[in-house]
Amino acid sequence: MGIQPIVSAKHRETKQFYTLYNTLDDTKLYLEKEMSLLNSIYENYGNACKLMSRWKKFGGEHEEE
């Protein structure tokens, strides 16, 4: 067995590891963005509910006049 098949196999293996790393890194990035979005929604949900309550109250008072 010559050196060429060994080098070729090692190159293929290294390339697969780089591909796996890049895929996992991209997945991590997307998950971090999704977590950021979900945290933002969670943090602002209470304020949005209060605002909707005030909006409905204002709308109801306005309709009675």
C-alpha atoms as a PDB file:
ATOM      1  CA  MET A   1       0.000   0.000   0.000  1.00  0.00           C
ATOM      2  CA  GLY A   2       1.460   3.312  -1.079  1.00  0.00           C
ATOM      3  CA  ILE A   3       1.286   6.656   0.637  1.00  0.00           C
ATOM      4  CA  GLN A   4      -1.195   8.159  -1.846  1.00  0.00           C
ATOM      5  CA  PRO A   5      -4.235   6.121  -0.668  1.00  0.00           C
ATOM      6  CA  ILE A   6      -3.420   6.924   2.952  1.00  0.00           C
ATOM      7  CA  VAL A   7      -3.135  10.660   2.250  1.00  0.00           C
ATOM      8  CA  SER A   8      -6.316  10.547   0.173  1.00  0.00           C
ATOM      9  CA  ALA A   9      -8.249   8.762   2.929  1.00  0.00           C
ATOM     10  CA  LYS A  10      -6.981  11.207   5.557  1.00  0.00           C
ATOM     11  CA  HIS A  11      -7.934  14.142   3.314  1.00  0.00           C
ATOM     12  CA  ARG A  12     -11.456  12.728   2.863  1.00  0.00           C
ATOM     13  CA  GLU A  13     -11.811  12.198   6.607  1.00  0.00           C
ATOM     14  CA  THR A  14     -10.601  15.734   7.359  1.00  0.00           C
ATOM     15  CA  LYS A  15     -13.002  17.168   4.779  1.00  0.00           C
ATOM     16  CA  GLN A  16     -15.889  15.286   6.418  1.00  0.00           C
ATOM     17  CA  PHE A  17     -14.938  16.687   9.830  1.00  0.00           C
ATOM     18  CA  TYR A  18     -14.845  20.233   8.424  1.00  0.00           C
ATOM     19  CA  THR A  19     -18.271  19.718   6.834  1.00  0.00           C
ATOM     20  CA  LEU A  20     -19.676  18.362  10.101  1.00  0.00           C
ATOM     21  CA  TYR A  21     -18.191  21.265  12.076  1.00  0.00           C
ATOM     22  CA  ASN A  22     -19.611  23.841   9.660  1.00  0.00           C
ATOM     23  CA  THR A  23     -23.042  22.200   9.744  1.00  0.00           C
ATOM     24  CA  LEU A  24     -23.080  22.137  13.540  1.00  0.00           C
ATOM     25  CA  ASP A  25     -21.868  25.741  13.701  1.00  0.00           C
ATOM     26  CA  ASP A  26     -24.661  26.859  11.348  1.00  0.00           C
ATOM     27  CA  THR A  27     -27.202  24.930  13.431  1.00  0.00           C
ATOM     28  CA  LYS A  28     -25.922  26.614  16.594  1.00  0.00           C
ATOM     29  CA  LEU A  29     -26.240  30.039  14.959  1.00  0.00           C
ATOM     30  CA  TYR A  30     -29.837  29.392  13.861  1.00  0.00           C
ATOM     31  CA  LEU A  31     -30.775  28.055  17.303  1.00  0.00           C
ATOM     32  CA  GLU A  32     -29.263  31.118  18.999  1.00  0.00           C
ATOM     33  CA  LYS A  33     -31.288  33.397  16.711  1.00  0.00           C
ATOM     34  CA  GLU A  34     -34.446  31.405  17.416  1.00  0.00           C
ATOM     35  CA  MET A  35     -33.823  31.550  21.177  1.00  0.00           C
ATOM     36  CA  SER A  36     -33.288  35.299  20.937  1.00  0.00           C
ATOM     37  CA  LEU A  37     -36.587  35.700  19.097  1.00  0.00           C
ATOM     38  CA  LEU A  38     -38.465  33.497  21.579  1.00  0.00           C
ATOM     39  CA  ASN A  39     -36.951  35.371  24.541  1.00  0.00           C
ATOM     40  CA  SER A  40     -37.981  38.678  22.998  1.00  0.00           C
ATOM     41  CA  ILE A  41     -41.551  37.438  22.528  1.00  0.00           C
ATOM     42  CA  TYR A  42     -41.641  36.117  26.093  1.00  0.00           C
ATOM     43  CA  GLU A  43     -40.280  39.363  27.565  1.00  0.00           C
ATOM     44  CA  ASN A  44     -42.734  41.550  25.661  1.00  0.00           C
ATOM     45  CA  TYR A  45     -45.848  39.355  25.964  1.00  0.00           C
ATOM     46  CA  GLY A  46     -46.966  40.881  29.271  1.00  0.00           C
ATOM     47  CA  ASN A  47     -46.631  44.417  27.946  1.00  0.00           C
ATOM     48  CA  ALA A  48     -48.556  43.501  24.816  1.00  0.00           C
ATOM     49  CA  CYS A  49     -51.391  42.035  26.892  1.00  0.00           C
ATOM     50  CA  LYS A  50     -51.570  45.185  29.036  1.00  0.00           C
ATOM     51  CA  LEU A  51     -51.585  47.332  25.937  1.00  0.00           C
ATOM     52  CA  MET A  52     -54.381  45.270  24.360  1.00  0.00           C
ATOM     53  CA  SER A  53     -56.399  45.517  27.576  1.00  0.00           C
ATOM     54  CA  ARG A  54     -56.026  49.294  27.605  1.00  0.00           C
ATOM     55  CA  TRP A  55     -56.827  49.440  23.907  1.00  0.00           C
ATOM     56  CA  LYS A  56     -60.027  47.409  24.393  1.00  0.00           C
ATOM     57  CA  LYS A  57     -60.980  49.537  27.405  1.00  0.00           C
ATOM     58  CA  PHE A  58     -60.425  52.714  25.420  1.00  0.00           C
ATOM     59  CA  GLY A  59     -62.380  51.313  22.476  1.00  0.00           C
ATOM     60  CA  GLY A  60     -65.266  50.247  24.721  1.00  0.00           C
ATOM     61  CA  GLU A  61     -65.484  53.647  26.406  1.00  0.00           C
ATOM     62  CA  HIS A  62     -65.304  55.360  23.059  1.00  0.00           C
ATOM     63  CA  GLU A  63     -68.170  53.266  21.642  1.00  0.00           C
ATOM     64  CA  GLU A  64     -70.458  54.070  24.604  1.00  0.00           C
ATOM     65  CA  GLU A  65     -70.207  57.827  24.072  1.00  0.00           C
END
